[in-house]
Amino acid sequence: MGINGGLGNLGVSVMQLIAPLVIFLPIFTFLGVRGVPQPDGSLLALTNAAWIWVPLLAVATLAAWFGMNDIAVQKRLSPRNCRC
């Protein structure tokens, strides 16, 4: 339980560090993400804070799909192998 809590807190810390950096970068313009014009003429892409997680989540999902094989298979009980 401690590892899960620690990794969850790490994710929050990483988000708090990365989100302010990526909202100033035009990373996802190929997806049609537009920035909000600021008074000084720069663009602020607030949606990048959410979009930055999509590639990481896709990689984690594929890793879990193909690599998670530690679930025990339940054997069916039949009259032949029943220890009743």
C-alpha atoms as a PDB file:
ATOM      1  CA  MET A   1       0.000   0.000   0.000  1.00  0.00           C
ATOM      2  CA  GLY A   2       2.891   2.337   0.704  1.00  0.00           C
ATOM      3  CA  ILE A   3       4.292   1.907  -2.801  1.00  0.00           C
ATOM      4  CA  ASN A   4       0.960   2.795  -4.397  1.00  0.00           C
ATOM      5  CA  GLY A   5       0.650   5.899  -2.252  1.00  0.00           C
ATOM      6  CA  GLY A   6       4.213   6.934  -3.015  1.00  0.00           C
ATOM      7  CA  LEU A   7       3.820   6.494  -6.758  1.00  0.00           C
ATOM      8  CA  GLY A   8       0.532   8.387  -6.677  1.00  0.00           C
ATOM      9  CA  ASN A   9       2.199  11.282  -4.923  1.00  0.00           C
ATOM     10  CA  LEU A  10       5.042  11.149  -7.445  1.00  0.00           C
ATOM     11  CA  GLY A  11       2.530  11.521 -10.282  1.00  0.00           C
ATOM     12  CA  VAL A  12       1.031  14.599  -8.660  1.00  0.00           C
ATOM     13  CA  SER A  13       4.479  16.123  -8.190  1.00  0.00           C
ATOM     14  CA  VAL A  14       5.462  15.423 -11.789  1.00  0.00           C
ATOM     15  CA  MET A  15       2.226  17.008 -13.024  1.00  0.00           C
ATOM     16  CA  GLN A  16       2.792  20.099 -10.906  1.00  0.00           C
ATOM     17  CA  LEU A  17       6.275  20.474 -12.380  1.00  0.00           C
ATOM     18  CA  ILE A  18       5.519  19.613 -16.013  1.00  0.00           C
ATOM     19  CA  ALA A  19       2.138  21.312 -16.527  1.00  0.00           C
ATOM     20  CA  PRO A  20       3.452  24.885 -16.247  1.00  0.00           C
ATOM     21  CA  LEU A  21       6.179  24.054 -18.756  1.00  0.00           C
ATOM     22  CA  VAL A  22       4.053  22.392 -21.437  1.00  0.00           C
ATOM     23  CA  ILE A  23       1.306  25.026 -21.553  1.00  0.00           C
ATOM     24  CA  PHE A  24       3.784  27.396 -23.196  1.00  0.00           C
ATOM     25  CA  LEU A  25       4.941  24.905 -25.863  1.00  0.00           C
ATOM     26  CA  PRO A  26       2.992  24.284 -29.102  1.00  0.00           C
ATOM     27  CA  ILE A  27       3.339  20.501 -28.781  1.00  0.00           C
ATOM     28  CA  PHE A  28      -0.081  19.295 -29.946  1.00  0.00           C
ATOM     29  CA  THR A  29      -0.846  21.730 -32.763  1.00  0.00           C
ATOM     30  CA  PHE A  30      -1.102  18.780 -35.187  1.00  0.00           C
ATOM     31  CA  LEU A  31      -4.216  17.705 -33.245  1.00  0.00           C
ATOM     32  CA  GLY A  32      -5.838  21.087 -33.724  1.00  0.00           C
ATOM     33  CA  VAL A  33      -5.042  22.349 -30.247  1.00  0.00           C
ATOM     34  CA  ARG A  34      -5.070  26.121 -30.346  1.00  0.00           C
ATOM     35  CA  GLY A  35      -3.613  28.387 -27.738  1.00  0.00           C
ATOM     36  CA  VAL A  36      -5.387  31.191 -25.940  1.00  0.00           C
ATOM     37  CA  PRO A  37      -3.947  34.546 -27.057  1.00  0.00           C
ATOM     38  CA  GLN A  38      -2.369  36.530 -24.238  1.00  0.00           C
ATOM     39  CA  PRO A  39      -2.128  40.346 -24.038  1.00  0.00           C
ATOM     40  CA  ASP A  40       1.584  40.209 -24.898  1.00  0.00           C
ATOM     41  CA  GLY A  41       0.860  38.281 -28.118  1.00  0.00           C
ATOM     42  CA  SER A  42       1.980  34.845 -26.923  1.00  0.00           C
ATOM     43  CA  LEU A  43      -0.258  31.781 -26.931  1.00  0.00           C
ATOM     44  CA  LEU A  44      -1.102  29.774 -23.835  1.00  0.00           C
ATOM     45  CA  ALA A  45      -2.164  26.196 -24.611  1.00  0.00           C
ATOM     46  CA  LEU A  46      -3.843  25.119 -21.378  1.00  0.00           C
ATOM     47  CA  THR A  47      -5.081  21.866 -22.907  1.00  0.00           C
ATOM     48  CA  ASN A  48      -1.489  20.674 -23.262  1.00  0.00           C
ATOM     49  CA  ALA A  49      -1.503  19.998 -19.516  1.00  0.00           C
ATOM     50  CA  ALA A  50      -4.017  17.205 -20.167  1.00  0.00           C
ATOM     51  CA  TRP A  51      -2.795  16.094 -23.611  1.00  0.00           C
ATOM     52  CA  ILE A  52       0.740  15.481 -22.331  1.00  0.00           C
ATOM     53  CA  TRP A  53      -0.536  12.409 -20.474  1.00  0.00           C
ATOM     54  CA  VAL A  54      -2.147  10.708 -23.501  1.00  0.00           C
ATOM     55  CA  PRO A  55       1.068   9.201 -24.984  1.00  0.00           C
ATOM     56  CA  LEU A  56       2.226   8.062 -21.544  1.00  0.00           C
ATOM     57  CA  LEU A  57      -1.138   6.461 -20.800  1.00  0.00           C
ATOM     58  CA  ALA A  58      -1.146   4.726 -24.191  1.00  0.00           C
ATOM     59  CA  VAL A  59       2.274   3.203 -23.502  1.00  0.00           C
ATOM     60  CA  ALA A  60       1.220   2.124 -19.997  1.00  0.00           C
ATOM     61  CA  THR A  61      -2.006   0.608 -21.341  1.00  0.00           C
ATOM     62  CA  LEU A  62      -0.178  -1.408 -23.990  1.00  0.00           C
ATOM     63  CA  ALA A  63       2.411  -2.557 -21.454  1.00  0.00           C
ATOM     64  CA  ALA A  64      -0.351  -3.717 -19.110  1.00  0.00           C
ATOM     65  CA  TRP A  65      -2.274  -5.415 -21.931  1.00  0.00           C
ATOM     66  CA  PHE A  66       0.656  -7.414 -23.241  1.00  0.00           C
ATOM     67  CA  GLY A  67       2.707  -7.826 -20.080  1.00  0.00           C
ATOM     68  CA  MET A  68       0.151  -8.597 -17.401  1.00  0.00           C
ATOM     69  CA  ASN A  69       0.120 -12.374 -17.358  1.00  0.00           C
ATOM     70  CA  ASP A  70       0.382 -13.069 -13.642  1.00  0.00           C
ATOM     71  CA  ILE A  71      -3.313 -13.738 -13.067  1.00  0.00           C
ATOM     72  CA  ALA A  72      -3.798 -17.320 -11.960  1.00  0.00           C
ATOM     73  CA  VAL A  73      -6.114 -19.382 -14.106  1.00  0.00           C
ATOM     74  CA  GLN A  74      -8.834 -21.075 -12.128  1.00  0.00           C
ATOM     75  CA  LYS A  75      -9.060 -24.794 -12.786  1.00  0.00           C
ATOM     76  CA  ARG A  76     -12.464 -26.274 -13.313  1.00  0.00           C
ATOM     77  CA  LEU A  77     -13.402 -28.898 -10.802  1.00  0.00           C
ATOM     78  CA  SER A  78     -14.665 -32.081 -12.289  1.00  0.00           C
ATOM     79  CA  PRO A  79     -15.639 -35.295 -10.525  1.00  0.00           C
ATOM     80  CA  ARG A  80     -12.277 -36.800 -11.559  1.00  0.00           C
ATOM     81  CA  ASN A  81     -10.055 -34.186  -9.901  1.00  0.00           C
ATOM     82  CA  CYS A  82     -12.305 -33.245  -6.986  1.00  0.00           C
ATOM     83  CA  ARG A  83     -10.863 -33.906  -3.538  1.00  0.00           C
ATOM     84  CA  CYS A  84     -14.260 -34.173  -1.915  1.00  0.00           C
END
